[in-house]
Amino acid sequence: MRATTTRRRLIAGLTTAGAIGLARMPRTAAAEGALETTTVRLVGQTGSRSVCVAPGYVAGELLRAEGFTDVRYVNQPPDAPFAEWVTSGAIDFNINFASMEVVAIDRGLPLTTLAGVHVGCFELFVRKELQGVADLKGKSVGIWELGAPDHLFLSVIAANVGIDPQRDIRWVTTGKVQPQQLFVDGKIDAFLGFPPAQQELRAHGIGRVVVDSAADRPFSQYFCCMLSGTREFVGNCPVATKRVVRAILKAADLCASAPEKVARQLVDDGYTDRYDYAVQALRELPYDKWREYDVEDTMRFYALRLHETGMIKSSPDKILADGTDWRFLDAIKRELKT
């Protein structure tokens, strides 16, 4: 009951200029036609517990305003490979890292990338005696597992300065122990932090940030998190798909305009523990830039870099042709233009 009340207050209590009217039924809904389904399933709790995907977590009331009467958040089963799980039929939509989207499409998994959600959620932490990315050659770098988001992003970061990520870095897979904890304990030289890990480490003065994807080129020029849907849902339910995309992007605006209210919902719903770190992360991430950044450039950038490192086989053009659809995003940009 408390979580439901919080969500209702979140929508009802918005008074900032960027958020007024977000929960109203779109005027274009009638022209779009009837929903093919009133049920939609999104990713709930996952192993990463990153708050950067907050728009998905707080979109429930916005989805109901779009006409969905059954909005479900499905938790990732323990030990289930994430990419396979999100395309197994258990869920319909997911916010995931751009690098993961590219790899999933390369593997032929049945998903379609639909929109960019936000920029700049990861930071590379190194031990204070290291000065930059080039110093990672021969060093130990903690990751969840090979092929995980941190491994993919770090491989691109390393390759960007001439380090061969497959030969020049000693990858330490951490299993059930978070890479952040191994870094704090001095057992690894570097790791890639996602919110709220970096907020916590900075608060305690631990380590040195040598790449901030919200500020440092080239990563600050591209989305880090993207919205995708299963190929089946997108193909069979175009009206419902457009309304989901619209609700998620409105939720991204909500994160930018009302970070305190969104952070409170994230804590109340159990997605994170620390309200102060959640607020800080939401304030720092540019959630309101989804209109400005180029989704196709993002997918092309990561596809090219991952292809160069040998982590995918497909060309950028094939990735775009096989696994993206920008029609819904283009229409929504026109509708929500301010």
C-alpha atoms as a PDB file:
ATOM      1  CA  MET A   1       0.000   0.000   0.000  1.00  0.00           C
ATOM      2  CA  ARG A   2       2.797   2.417   0.878  1.00  0.00           C
ATOM      3  CA  ALA A   3       4.524   2.011  -2.506  1.00  0.00           C
ATOM      4  CA  THR A   4       1.261   2.591  -4.383  1.00  0.00           C
ATOM      5  CA  THR A   5       0.545   5.702  -2.336  1.00  0.00           C
ATOM      6  CA  THR A   6       4.052   6.981  -2.973  1.00  0.00           C
ATOM      7  CA  ARG A   7       3.695   6.543  -6.712  1.00  0.00           C
ATOM      8  CA  ARG A   8       0.373   8.375  -6.741  1.00  0.00           C
ATOM      9  CA  ARG A   9       1.809  11.223  -4.723  1.00  0.00           C
ATOM     10  CA  LEU A  10       4.795  11.330  -7.028  1.00  0.00           C
ATOM     11  CA  ILE A  11       2.589  12.048 -10.014  1.00  0.00           C
ATOM     12  CA  ALA A  12      -0.018  14.143  -8.235  1.00  0.00           C
ATOM     13  CA  GLY A  13       2.506  16.285  -6.408  1.00  0.00           C
ATOM     14  CA  LEU A  14       4.505  17.443  -9.404  1.00  0.00           C
ATOM     15  CA  THR A  15       4.488  21.196  -9.841  1.00  0.00           C
ATOM     16  CA  THR A  16       7.735  21.939 -11.655  1.00  0.00           C
ATOM     17  CA  ALA A  17       7.468  23.346 -15.156  1.00  0.00           C
ATOM     18  CA  GLY A  18       9.011  20.354 -16.898  1.00  0.00           C
ATOM     19  CA  ALA A  19       6.710  17.862 -15.210  1.00  0.00           C
ATOM     20  CA  ILE A  20       3.277  19.508 -15.374  1.00  0.00           C
ATOM     21  CA  GLY A  21       0.859  17.364 -17.328  1.00  0.00           C
ATOM     22  CA  LEU A  22       3.109  14.327 -17.571  1.00  0.00           C
ATOM     23  CA  ALA A  23       0.413  12.013 -16.245  1.00  0.00           C
ATOM     24  CA  ARG A  24      -2.356  13.225 -18.534  1.00  0.00           C
ATOM     25  CA  MET A  25      -3.631  10.950 -21.278  1.00  0.00           C
ATOM     26  CA  PRO A  26      -1.966  12.139 -24.507  1.00  0.00           C
ATOM     27  CA  ARG A  27      -4.220  14.020 -26.926  1.00  0.00           C
ATOM     28  CA  THR A  28      -2.896  11.818 -29.702  1.00  0.00           C
ATOM     29  CA  ALA A  29      -4.088   8.594 -28.027  1.00  0.00           C
ATOM     30  CA  ALA A  30      -7.388   8.528 -29.870  1.00  0.00           C
ATOM     31  CA  ALA A  31      -5.653   9.018 -33.204  1.00  0.00           C
ATOM     32  CA  GLU A  32      -3.254   6.179 -32.431  1.00  0.00           C
ATOM     33  CA  GLY A  33      -6.073   3.674 -32.100  1.00  0.00           C
ATOM     34  CA  ALA A  34      -6.876   1.146 -29.401  1.00  0.00           C
ATOM     35  CA  LEU A  35      -4.200  -0.644 -27.419  1.00  0.00           C
ATOM     36  CA  GLU A  36      -3.556  -4.157 -28.681  1.00  0.00           C
ATOM     37  CA  THR A  37      -2.988  -5.195 -25.053  1.00  0.00           C
ATOM     38  CA  THR A  38      -3.504  -3.512 -21.706  1.00  0.00           C
ATOM     39  CA  THR A  39      -0.784  -5.595 -20.016  1.00  0.00           C
ATOM     40  CA  VAL A  40       2.880  -4.599 -20.022  1.00  0.00           C
ATOM     41  CA  ARG A  41       5.793  -6.215 -18.183  1.00  0.00           C
ATOM     42  CA  LEU A  42       8.998  -4.392 -17.276  1.00  0.00           C
ATOM     43  CA  VAL A  43      12.212  -5.360 -15.495  1.00  0.00           C
ATOM     44  CA  GLY A  44      12.022  -5.064 -11.720  1.00  0.00           C
ATOM     45  CA  GLN A  45      14.821  -6.002  -9.331  1.00  0.00           C
ATOM     46  CA  THR A  46      18.095  -7.128 -10.910  1.00  0.00           C
ATOM     47  CA  GLY A  47      21.466  -8.110  -9.567  1.00  0.00           C
ATOM     48  CA  SER A  48      23.045  -4.733 -10.319  1.00  0.00           C
ATOM     49  CA  ARG A  49      20.623  -2.559  -8.279  1.00  0.00           C
ATOM     50  CA  SER A  50      21.737   0.504 -10.235  1.00  0.00           C
ATOM     51  CA  VAL A  51      19.479   3.537  -9.870  1.00  0.00           C
ATOM     52  CA  CYS A  52      20.390   4.926 -13.296  1.00  0.00           C
ATOM     53  CA  VAL A  53      17.466   3.007 -14.844  1.00  0.00           C
ATOM     54  CA  ALA A  54      15.027   4.849 -12.545  1.00  0.00           C
ATOM     55  CA  PRO A  55      12.703   5.934 -15.408  1.00  0.00           C
ATOM     56  CA  GLY A  56      11.642   2.323 -15.824  1.00  0.00           C
ATOM     57  CA  TYR A  57      11.000   1.884 -12.113  1.00  0.00           C
ATOM     58  CA  VAL A  58       8.839   5.001 -11.725  1.00  0.00           C
ATOM     59  CA  ALA A  59       6.872   4.772 -14.974  1.00  0.00           C
ATOM     60  CA  GLY A  60       3.984   2.767 -13.527  1.00  0.00           C
ATOM     61  CA  GLU A  61       1.441   5.574 -13.146  1.00  0.00           C
ATOM     62  CA  LEU A  62       2.478   7.096 -16.470  1.00  0.00           C
ATOM     63  CA  LEU A  63       1.845   3.741 -18.146  1.00  0.00           C
ATOM     64  CA  ARG A  64      -1.573   3.566 -16.507  1.00  0.00           C
ATOM     65  CA  ALA A  65      -2.281   7.038 -17.814  1.00  0.00           C
ATOM     66  CA  GLU A  66      -1.490   5.651 -21.271  1.00  0.00           C
ATOM     67  CA  GLY A  67      -4.257   3.058 -20.855  1.00  0.00           C
ATOM     68  CA  PHE A  68      -2.385   0.034 -19.453  1.00  0.00           C
ATOM     69  CA  THR A  69      -4.430  -1.522 -16.671  1.00  0.00           C
ATOM     70  CA  ASP A  70      -1.985  -4.315 -15.777  1.00  0.00           C
ATOM     71  CA  VAL A  71       1.567  -2.995 -15.258  1.00  0.00           C
ATOM     72  CA  ARG A  72       3.913  -5.666 -13.958  1.00  0.00           C
ATOM     73  CA  TYR A  73       7.489  -5.451 -12.678  1.00  0.00           C
ATOM     74  CA  VAL A  74       9.205  -8.822 -13.006  1.00  0.00           C
ATOM     75  CA  ASN A  75      12.303  -9.544 -10.917  1.00  0.00           C
ATOM     76  CA  GLN A  76      15.288 -11.234 -12.510  1.00  0.00           C
ATOM     77  CA  PRO A  77      15.646 -14.819 -11.235  1.00  0.00           C
ATOM     78  CA  PRO A  78      18.904 -15.615  -9.413  1.00  0.00           C
ATOM     79  CA  ASP A  79      21.666 -16.813 -11.748  1.00  0.00           C
ATOM     80  CA  ALA A  80      19.556 -16.195 -14.885  1.00  0.00           C
ATOM     81  CA  PRO A  81      21.685 -14.695 -17.691  1.00  0.00           C
ATOM     82  CA  PHE A  82      20.236 -11.218 -18.131  1.00  0.00           C
ATOM     83  CA  ALA A  83      20.187 -10.968 -21.934  1.00  0.00           C
ATOM     84  CA  GLU A  84      18.585 -14.387 -22.367  1.00  0.00           C
ATOM     85  CA  TRP A  85      16.058 -13.696 -19.640  1.00  0.00           C
ATOM     86  CA  VAL A  86      14.846 -10.382 -21.075  1.00  0.00           C
ATOM     87  CA  THR A  87      14.198 -12.049 -24.440  1.00  0.00           C
ATOM     88  CA  SER A  88      12.720 -15.274 -23.073  1.00  0.00           C
ATOM     89  CA  GLY A  89       9.129 -14.029 -22.940  1.00  0.00           C
ATOM     90  CA  ALA A  90       9.232 -13.109 -19.254  1.00  0.00           C
ATOM     91  CA  ILE A  91       9.134  -9.346 -19.898  1.00  0.00           C
ATOM     92  CA  ASP A  92       8.215  -6.941 -22.694  1.00  0.00           C
ATOM     93  CA  PHE A  93      10.477  -3.892 -22.167  1.00  0.00           C
ATOM     94  CA  ASN A  94      13.836  -3.204 -20.608  1.00  0.00           C
ATOM     95  CA  ILE A  95      16.225  -0.311 -20.004  1.00  0.00           C
ATOM     96  CA  ASN A  96      19.741  -1.584 -20.570  1.00  0.00           C
ATOM     97  CA  PHE A  97      23.221  -0.335 -21.387  1.00  0.00           C
ATOM     98  CA  ALA A  98      23.922   0.504 -25.023  1.00  0.00           C
ATOM     99  CA  SER A  99      26.865  -1.913 -25.167  1.00  0.00           C
ATOM    100  CA  MET A 100      24.634  -4.746 -23.954  1.00  0.00           C
ATOM    101  CA  GLU A 101      22.011  -3.899 -26.561  1.00  0.00           C
ATOM    102  CA  VAL A 102      24.624  -4.121 -29.311  1.00  0.00           C
ATOM    103  CA  VAL A 103      25.956  -7.483 -28.101  1.00  0.00           C
ATOM    104  CA  ALA A 104      22.448  -8.931 -27.766  1.00  0.00           C
ATOM    105  CA  ILE A 105      21.557  -7.893 -31.318  1.00  0.00           C
ATOM    106  CA  ASP A 106      24.839  -9.319 -32.601  1.00  0.00           C
ATOM    107  CA  ARG A 107      23.944 -12.632 -30.942  1.00  0.00           C
ATOM    108  CA  GLY A 108      20.589 -12.666 -32.706  1.00  0.00           C
ATOM    109  CA  LEU A 109      18.482 -12.255 -29.577  1.00  0.00           C
ATOM    110  CA  PRO A 110      14.958 -11.078 -30.446  1.00  0.00           C
ATOM    111  CA  LEU A 111      14.897  -7.513 -29.153  1.00  0.00           C
ATOM    112  CA  THR A 112      14.493  -4.097 -30.745  1.00  0.00           C
ATOM    113  CA  THR A 113      16.194  -0.965 -29.423  1.00  0.00           C
ATOM    114  CA  LEU A 114      13.694   1.894 -29.429  1.00  0.00           C
ATOM    115  CA  ALA A 115      15.106   4.991 -27.697  1.00  0.00           C
ATOM    116  CA  GLY A 116      17.904   6.466 -25.656  1.00  0.00           C
ATOM    117  CA  VAL A 117      17.031   7.183 -22.031  1.00  0.00           C
ATOM    118  CA  HIS A 118      19.993   9.057 -20.554  1.00  0.00           C
ATOM    119  CA  VAL A 119      23.688   9.848 -20.846  1.00  0.00           C
ATOM    120  CA  GLY A 120      26.597   9.435 -18.493  1.00  0.00           C
ATOM    121  CA  CYS A 121      25.945   6.884 -15.748  1.00  0.00           C
ATOM    122  CA  PHE A 122      29.351   5.183 -15.398  1.00  0.00           C
ATOM    123  CA  GLU A 123      32.652   6.299 -13.910  1.00  0.00           C
ATOM    124  CA  LEU A 124      36.011   4.529 -13.980  1.00  0.00           C
ATOM    125  CA  PHE A 125      37.626   4.397 -10.534  1.00  0.00           C
ATOM    126  CA  VAL A 126      41.324   3.574 -10.155  1.00  0.00           C
ATOM    127  CA  ARG A 127      43.685   3.444  -7.204  1.00  0.00           C
ATOM    128  CA  LYS A 128      45.007   6.901  -6.341  1.00  0.00           C
ATOM    129  CA  GLU A 129      48.546   6.133  -7.451  1.00  0.00           C
ATOM    130  CA  LEU A 130      47.295   5.554 -11.023  1.00  0.00           C
ATOM    131  CA  GLN A 131      46.913   8.642 -13.184  1.00  0.00           C
ATOM    132  CA  GLY A 132      44.784   7.557 -16.129  1.00  0.00           C
ATOM    133  CA  VAL A 133      43.356   4.821 -18.330  1.00  0.00           C
ATOM    134  CA  ALA A 134      46.759   4.078 -19.900  1.00  0.00           C
ATOM    135  CA  ASP A 135      47.993   2.969 -16.467  1.00  0.00           C
ATOM    136  CA  LEU A 136      45.573   0.024 -16.523  1.00  0.00           C
ATOM    137  CA  LYS A 137      47.878  -1.982 -18.775  1.00  0.00           C
ATOM    138  CA  GLY A 138      48.840  -5.087 -16.817  1.00  0.00           C
ATOM    139  CA  LYS A 139      46.610  -4.142 -13.884  1.00  0.00           C
ATOM    140  CA  SER A 140      43.718  -6.012 -12.234  1.00  0.00           C
ATOM    141  CA  VAL A 141      40.261  -4.713 -13.103  1.00  0.00           C
ATOM    142  CA  GLY A 142      37.168  -6.030 -11.363  1.00  0.00           C
ATOM    143  CA  ILE A 143      34.039  -6.939 -13.320  1.00  0.00           C
ATOM    144  CA  TRP A 144      30.873  -8.876 -12.582  1.00  0.00           C
ATOM    145  CA  GLU A 145      31.642 -11.380 -15.327  1.00  0.00           C
ATOM    146  CA  LEU A 146      32.983 -11.505 -18.863  1.00  0.00           C
ATOM    147  CA  GLY A 147      30.398  -9.969 -21.173  1.00  0.00           C
ATOM    148  CA  ALA A 148      28.739  -7.975 -18.366  1.00  0.00           C
ATOM    149  CA  PRO A 149      28.090  -4.233 -18.895  1.00  0.00           C
ATOM    150  CA  ASP A 150      31.183  -3.181 -16.940  1.00  0.00           C
ATOM    151  CA  HIS A 151      33.380  -5.532 -18.980  1.00  0.00           C
ATOM    152  CA  LEU A 152      32.024  -4.207 -22.288  1.00  0.00           C
ATOM    153  CA  PHE A 153      32.275  -0.532 -21.351  1.00  0.00           C
ATOM    154  CA  LEU A 154      35.754  -0.984 -19.889  1.00  0.00           C
ATOM    155  CA  SER A 155      36.911  -2.792 -23.013  1.00  0.00           C
ATOM    156  CA  VAL A 156      35.802   0.157 -25.137  1.00  0.00           C
ATOM    157  CA  ILE A 157      37.445   2.636 -22.728  1.00  0.00           C
ATOM    158  CA  ALA A 158      40.730   0.700 -22.807  1.00  0.00           C
ATOM    159  CA  ALA A 159      40.740   0.306 -26.576  1.00  0.00           C
ATOM    160  CA  ASN A 160      40.127   4.038 -26.929  1.00  0.00           C
ATOM    161  CA  VAL A 161      43.673   4.688 -25.570  1.00  0.00           C
ATOM    162  CA  GLY A 162      45.368   1.817 -27.390  1.00  0.00           C
ATOM    163  CA  ILE A 163      45.145  -0.913 -24.737  1.00  0.00           C
ATOM    164  CA  ASP A 164      44.151  -4.363 -25.976  1.00  0.00           C
ATOM    165  CA  PRO A 165      41.412  -5.337 -23.491  1.00  0.00           C
ATOM    166  CA  GLN A 166      41.832  -9.035 -24.187  1.00  0.00           C
ATOM    167  CA  ARG A 167      45.613  -9.184 -23.636  1.00  0.00           C
ATOM    168  CA  ASP A 168      46.660  -6.129 -21.631  1.00  0.00           C
ATOM    169  CA  ILE A 169      44.208  -6.212 -18.716  1.00  0.00           C
ATOM    170  CA  ARG A 170      43.898  -8.811 -15.978  1.00  0.00           C
ATOM    171  CA  TRP A 171      40.142  -9.194 -15.564  1.00  0.00           C
ATOM    172  CA  VAL A 172      38.958 -10.259 -12.122  1.00  0.00           C
ATOM    173  CA  THR A 173      35.440 -11.682 -12.151  1.00  0.00           C
ATOM    174  CA  THR A 174      33.886 -11.035  -8.783  1.00  0.00           C
ATOM    175  CA  GLY A 175      30.872 -13.346  -8.788  1.00  0.00           C
ATOM    176  CA  LYS A 176      28.591 -12.591  -5.863  1.00  0.00           C
ATOM    177  CA  VAL A 177      31.017 -10.020  -4.414  1.00  0.00           C
ATOM    178  CA  GLN A 178      30.558  -6.554  -5.901  1.00  0.00           C
ATOM    179  CA  PRO A 179      33.594  -5.154  -7.738  1.00  0.00           C
ATOM    180  CA  GLN A 180      33.148  -2.036  -5.613  1.00  0.00           C
ATOM    181  CA  GLN A 181      33.850  -4.031  -2.443  1.00  0.00           C
ATOM    182  CA  LEU A 182      37.018  -5.585  -3.854  1.00  0.00           C
ATOM    183  CA  PHE A 183      38.186  -2.100  -4.824  1.00  0.00           C
ATOM    184  CA  VAL A 184      37.498  -0.736  -1.350  1.00  0.00           C
ATOM    185  CA  ASP A 185      39.380  -3.704   0.136  1.00  0.00           C
ATOM    186  CA  GLY A 186      42.408  -2.982  -2.077  1.00  0.00           C
ATOM    187  CA  LYS A 187      42.182  -6.296  -3.944  1.00  0.00           C
ATOM    188  CA  ILE A 188      41.845  -4.809  -7.454  1.00  0.00           C
ATOM    189  CA  ASP A 189      43.288  -1.744  -9.166  1.00  0.00           C
ATOM    190  CA  ALA A 190      40.168  -0.444 -10.887  1.00  0.00           C
ATOM    191  CA  PHE A 191      36.480  -0.980 -11.527  1.00  0.00           C
ATOM    192  CA  LEU A 192      33.601   0.723 -13.314  1.00  0.00           C
ATOM    193  CA  GLY A 193      31.024   2.266 -10.991  1.00  0.00           C
ATOM    194  CA  PHE A 194      27.326   2.726 -11.675  1.00  0.00           C
ATOM    195  CA  PRO A 195      24.977   4.776  -9.452  1.00  0.00           C
ATOM    196  CA  PRO A 196      24.949   4.787  -6.493  1.00  0.00           C
ATOM    197  CA  ALA A 197      28.438   3.216  -6.206  1.00  0.00           C
ATOM    198  CA  GLN A 198      30.281   6.303  -7.384  1.00  0.00           C
ATOM    199  CA  GLN A 199      28.319   8.597  -5.087  1.00  0.00           C
ATOM    200  CA  GLU A 200      29.314   6.450  -2.119  1.00  0.00           C
ATOM    201  CA  LEU A 201      33.000   6.224  -3.054  1.00  0.00           C
ATOM    202  CA  ARG A 202      33.282   9.942  -3.720  1.00  0.00           C
ATOM    203  CA  ALA A 203      31.613  10.679  -0.384  1.00  0.00           C
ATOM    204  CA  HIS A 204      34.343   8.645   1.358  1.00  0.00           C
ATOM    205  CA  GLY A 205      37.226   9.888  -0.781  1.00  0.00           C
ATOM    206  CA  ILE A 206      38.068   6.427  -2.077  1.00  0.00           C
ATOM    207  CA  GLY A 207      39.991   6.090  -5.333  1.00  0.00           C
ATOM    208  CA  ARG A 208      40.382   8.422  -8.281  1.00  0.00           C
ATOM    209  CA  VAL A 209      37.918   8.942 -11.162  1.00  0.00           C
ATOM    210  CA  VAL A 210      39.742   8.940 -14.502  1.00  0.00           C
ATOM    211  CA  VAL A 211      36.698   8.629 -16.798  1.00  0.00           C
ATOM    212  CA  ASP A 212      33.361  10.284 -16.119  1.00  0.00           C
ATOM    213  CA  SER A 213      30.981   9.339 -18.916  1.00  0.00           C
ATOM    214  CA  ALA A 214      28.770  12.352 -18.188  1.00  0.00           C
ATOM    215  CA  ALA A 215      31.632  14.779 -18.873  1.00  0.00           C
ATOM    216  CA  ASP A 216      34.465  13.052 -20.764  1.00  0.00           C
ATOM    217  CA  ARG A 217      34.527  12.594 -24.531  1.00  0.00           C
ATOM    218  CA  PRO A 218      33.786  10.514 -26.447  1.00  0.00           C
ATOM    219  CA  PHE A 219      31.484   8.784 -23.971  1.00  0.00           C
ATOM    220  CA  SER A 220      29.654  11.954 -22.942  1.00  0.00           C
ATOM    221  CA  GLN A 221      28.454  12.287 -26.541  1.00  0.00           C
ATOM    222  CA  TYR A 222      26.429   9.072 -26.463  1.00  0.00           C
ATOM    223  CA  PHE A 223      23.626   7.460 -24.515  1.00  0.00           C
ATOM    224  CA  CYS A 224      24.709   4.906 -21.945  1.00  0.00           C
ATOM    225  CA  CYS A 225      21.230   3.442 -21.325  1.00  0.00           C
ATOM    226  CA  MET A 226      18.669   2.553 -23.981  1.00  0.00           C
ATOM    227  CA  LEU A 227      15.066   1.336 -24.025  1.00  0.00           C
ATOM    228  CA  SER A 228      14.312  -1.866 -25.894  1.00  0.00           C
ATOM    229  CA  GLY A 229      11.329  -4.128 -26.381  1.00  0.00           C
ATOM    230  CA  THR A 230      11.012  -7.748 -27.386  1.00  0.00           C
ATOM    231  CA  ARG A 231      10.698  -8.168 -31.117  1.00  0.00           C
ATOM    232  CA  GLU A 232       7.391  -9.970 -30.681  1.00  0.00           C
ATOM    233  CA  PHE A 233       5.775  -7.199 -28.633  1.00  0.00           C
ATOM    234  CA  VAL A 234       7.054  -4.400 -30.861  1.00  0.00           C
ATOM    235  CA  GLY A 235       5.949  -6.198 -34.020  1.00  0.00           C
ATOM    236  CA  ASN A 236       2.517  -7.240 -32.786  1.00  0.00           C
ATOM    237  CA  CYS A 237       1.629  -4.201 -30.668  1.00  0.00           C
ATOM    238  CA  PRO A 238       2.811  -0.971 -32.315  1.00  0.00           C
ATOM    239  CA  VAL A 239       0.230   1.229 -30.557  1.00  0.00           C
ATOM    240  CA  ALA A 240       1.135  -0.197 -27.163  1.00  0.00           C
ATOM    241  CA  THR A 241       4.838   0.102 -27.975  1.00  0.00           C
ATOM    242  CA  LYS A 242       4.555   3.786 -28.788  1.00  0.00           C
ATOM    243  CA  ARG A 243       2.719   4.453 -25.539  1.00  0.00           C
ATOM    244  CA  VAL A 244       5.341   2.572 -23.526  1.00  0.00           C
ATOM    245  CA  VAL A 245       8.130   4.574 -25.156  1.00  0.00           C
ATOM    246  CA  ARG A 246       6.257   7.800 -24.422  1.00  0.00           C
ATOM    247  CA  ALA A 247       5.701   6.853 -20.766  1.00  0.00           C
ATOM    248  CA  ILE A 248       9.362   5.925 -20.230  1.00  0.00           C
ATOM    249  CA  LEU A 249      10.611   9.157 -21.788  1.00  0.00           C
ATOM    250  CA  LYS A 250       8.180  11.170 -19.682  1.00  0.00           C
ATOM    251  CA  ALA A 251       9.526   9.291 -16.676  1.00  0.00           C
ATOM    252  CA  ALA A 252      13.037  10.361 -17.710  1.00  0.00           C
ATOM    253  CA  ASP A 253      11.825  13.975 -17.693  1.00  0.00           C
ATOM    254  CA  LEU A 254      10.390  13.256 -14.261  1.00  0.00           C
ATOM    255  CA  CYS A 255      13.793  12.136 -12.977  1.00  0.00           C
ATOM    256  CA  ALA A 256      15.266  15.435 -14.179  1.00  0.00           C
ATOM    257  CA  SER A 257      12.539  17.705 -12.814  1.00  0.00           C
ATOM    258  CA  ALA A 258      11.699  15.960  -9.509  1.00  0.00           C
ATOM    259  CA  PRO A 259      14.774  13.961  -8.379  1.00  0.00           C
ATOM    260  CA  GLU A 260      13.828  14.101  -4.692  1.00  0.00           C
ATOM    261  CA  LYS A 261      10.396  12.585  -5.288  1.00  0.00           C
ATOM    262  CA  VAL A 262      11.780   9.922  -7.616  1.00  0.00           C
ATOM    263  CA  ALA A 263      14.535   9.022  -5.131  1.00  0.00           C
ATOM    264  CA  ARG A 264      11.962   8.623  -2.383  1.00  0.00           C
ATOM    265  CA  GLN A 265       9.983   6.200  -4.533  1.00  0.00           C
ATOM    266  CA  LEU A 266      13.132   4.204  -5.378  1.00  0.00           C
ATOM    267  CA  VAL A 267      13.856   3.764  -1.667  1.00  0.00           C
ATOM    268  CA  ASP A 268      10.250   3.027  -0.715  1.00  0.00           C
ATOM    269  CA  ASP A 269       9.963   0.415  -3.471  1.00  0.00           C
ATOM    270  CA  GLY A 270      13.223  -1.266  -2.458  1.00  0.00           C
ATOM    271  CA  TYR A 271      15.346  -0.460  -5.505  1.00  0.00           C
ATOM    272  CA  THR A 272      18.052   1.228  -3.432  1.00  0.00           C
ATOM    273  CA  ASP A 273      18.854   1.805   0.241  1.00  0.00           C
ATOM    274  CA  ARG A 274      20.301   5.300   0.481  1.00  0.00           C
ATOM    275  CA  TYR A 275      18.012   8.227  -0.306  1.00  0.00           C
ATOM    276  CA  ASP A 276      20.880  10.762  -0.258  1.00  0.00           C
ATOM    277  CA  TYR A 277      22.974   8.853  -2.800  1.00  0.00           C
ATOM    278  CA  ALA A 278      19.915   8.277  -4.998  1.00  0.00           C
ATOM    279  CA  VAL A 279      19.066  11.992  -5.031  1.00  0.00           C
ATOM    280  CA  GLN A 280      22.642  12.879  -5.879  1.00  0.00           C
ATOM    281  CA  ALA A 281      22.753  10.368  -8.738  1.00  0.00           C
ATOM    282  CA  LEU A 282      19.460  11.580 -10.192  1.00  0.00           C
ATOM    283  CA  ARG A 283      20.621  15.202 -10.037  1.00  0.00           C
ATOM    284  CA  GLU A 284      23.919  14.397 -11.728  1.00  0.00           C
ATOM    285  CA  LEU A 285      22.585  12.306 -14.619  1.00  0.00           C
ATOM    286  CA  PRO A 286      21.269  14.266 -17.646  1.00  0.00           C
ATOM    287  CA  TYR A 287      17.888  12.594 -17.943  1.00  0.00           C
ATOM    288  CA  ASP A 288      16.446  15.522 -19.903  1.00  0.00           C
ATOM    289  CA  LYS A 289      18.790  15.126 -22.913  1.00  0.00           C
ATOM    290  CA  TRP A 290      16.962  12.308 -24.698  1.00  0.00           C
ATOM    291  CA  ARG A 291      15.561  14.768 -27.268  1.00  0.00           C
ATOM    292  CA  GLU A 292      19.020  16.086 -28.145  1.00  0.00           C
ATOM    293  CA  TYR A 293      21.311  13.084 -28.428  1.00  0.00           C
ATOM    294  CA  ASP A 294      21.421  10.820 -31.490  1.00  0.00           C
ATOM    295  CA  VAL A 295      20.338   7.253 -30.769  1.00  0.00           C
ATOM    296  CA  GLU A 296      21.681   5.931 -34.052  1.00  0.00           C
ATOM    297  CA  ASP A 297      25.091   7.476 -33.444  1.00  0.00           C
ATOM    298  CA  THR A 298      25.179   5.782 -30.042  1.00  0.00           C
ATOM    299  CA  MET A 299      24.485   2.326 -31.423  1.00  0.00           C
ATOM    300  CA  ARG A 300      26.920   2.869 -34.286  1.00  0.00           C
ATOM    301  CA  PHE A 301      29.672   4.043 -31.911  1.00  0.00           C
ATOM    302  CA  TYR A 302      29.437   1.046 -29.587  1.00  0.00           C
ATOM    303  CA  ALA A 303      28.956  -1.405 -32.453  1.00  0.00           C
ATOM    304  CA  LEU A 304      32.089  -0.084 -34.152  1.00  0.00           C
ATOM    305  CA  ARG A 305      34.206  -0.141 -30.992  1.00  0.00           C
ATOM    306  CA  LEU A 306      33.028  -3.607 -29.930  1.00  0.00           C
ATOM    307  CA  HIS A 307      33.622  -4.894 -33.459  1.00  0.00           C
ATOM    308  CA  GLU A 308      37.161  -3.474 -33.403  1.00  0.00           C
ATOM    309  CA  THR A 309      37.905  -5.262 -30.127  1.00  0.00           C
ATOM    310  CA  GLY A 310      36.579  -8.561 -31.503  1.00  0.00           C
ATOM    311  CA  MET A 311      33.652  -8.704 -29.070  1.00  0.00           C
ATOM    312  CA  ILE A 312      30.992  -8.750 -31.791  1.00  0.00           C
ATOM    313  CA  LYS A 313      30.996 -10.031 -35.374  1.00  0.00           C
ATOM    314  CA  SER A 314      28.334  -7.796 -36.928  1.00  0.00           C
ATOM    315  CA  SER A 315      29.045  -4.481 -38.625  1.00  0.00           C
ATOM    316  CA  PRO A 316      27.394  -1.316 -37.252  1.00  0.00           C
ATOM    317  CA  ASP A 317      25.073  -1.221 -40.262  1.00  0.00           C
ATOM    318  CA  LYS A 318      23.904  -4.771 -39.596  1.00  0.00           C
ATOM    319  CA  ILE A 319      23.322  -4.006 -35.911  1.00  0.00           C
ATOM    320  CA  LEU A 320      21.168  -1.010 -36.857  1.00  0.00           C
ATOM    321  CA  ALA A 321      19.258  -2.936 -39.517  1.00  0.00           C
ATOM    322  CA  ASP A 322      18.635  -6.026 -37.380  1.00  0.00           C
ATOM    323  CA  GLY A 323      17.822  -4.526 -33.999  1.00  0.00           C
ATOM    324  CA  THR A 324      16.639  -0.913 -34.007  1.00  0.00           C
ATOM    325  CA  ASP A 325      13.419   0.945 -34.773  1.00  0.00           C
ATOM    326  CA  TRP A 326      13.327   4.728 -34.288  1.00  0.00           C
ATOM    327  CA  ARG A 327       9.811   5.402 -35.671  1.00  0.00           C
ATOM    328  CA  PHE A 328       8.179   5.611 -32.260  1.00  0.00           C
ATOM    329  CA  LEU A 329      10.896   7.878 -30.875  1.00  0.00           C
ATOM    330  CA  ASP A 330      10.724  10.209 -33.864  1.00  0.00           C
ATOM    331  CA  ALA A 331       6.946  10.554 -33.489  1.00  0.00           C
ATOM    332  CA  ILE A 332       7.176  11.180 -29.740  1.00  0.00           C
ATOM    333  CA  LYS A 333       9.882  13.824 -30.184  1.00  0.00           C
ATOM    334  CA  ARG A 334       7.483  15.731 -32.428  1.00  0.00           C
ATOM    335  CA  GLU A 335       4.602  15.352 -29.966  1.00  0.00           C
ATOM    336  CA  LEU A 336       6.534  16.300 -26.831  1.00  0.00           C
ATOM    337  CA  LYS A 337       8.557  19.086 -28.395  1.00  0.00           C
ATOM    338  CA  THR A 338       8.701  22.112 -26.100  1.00  0.00           C
END
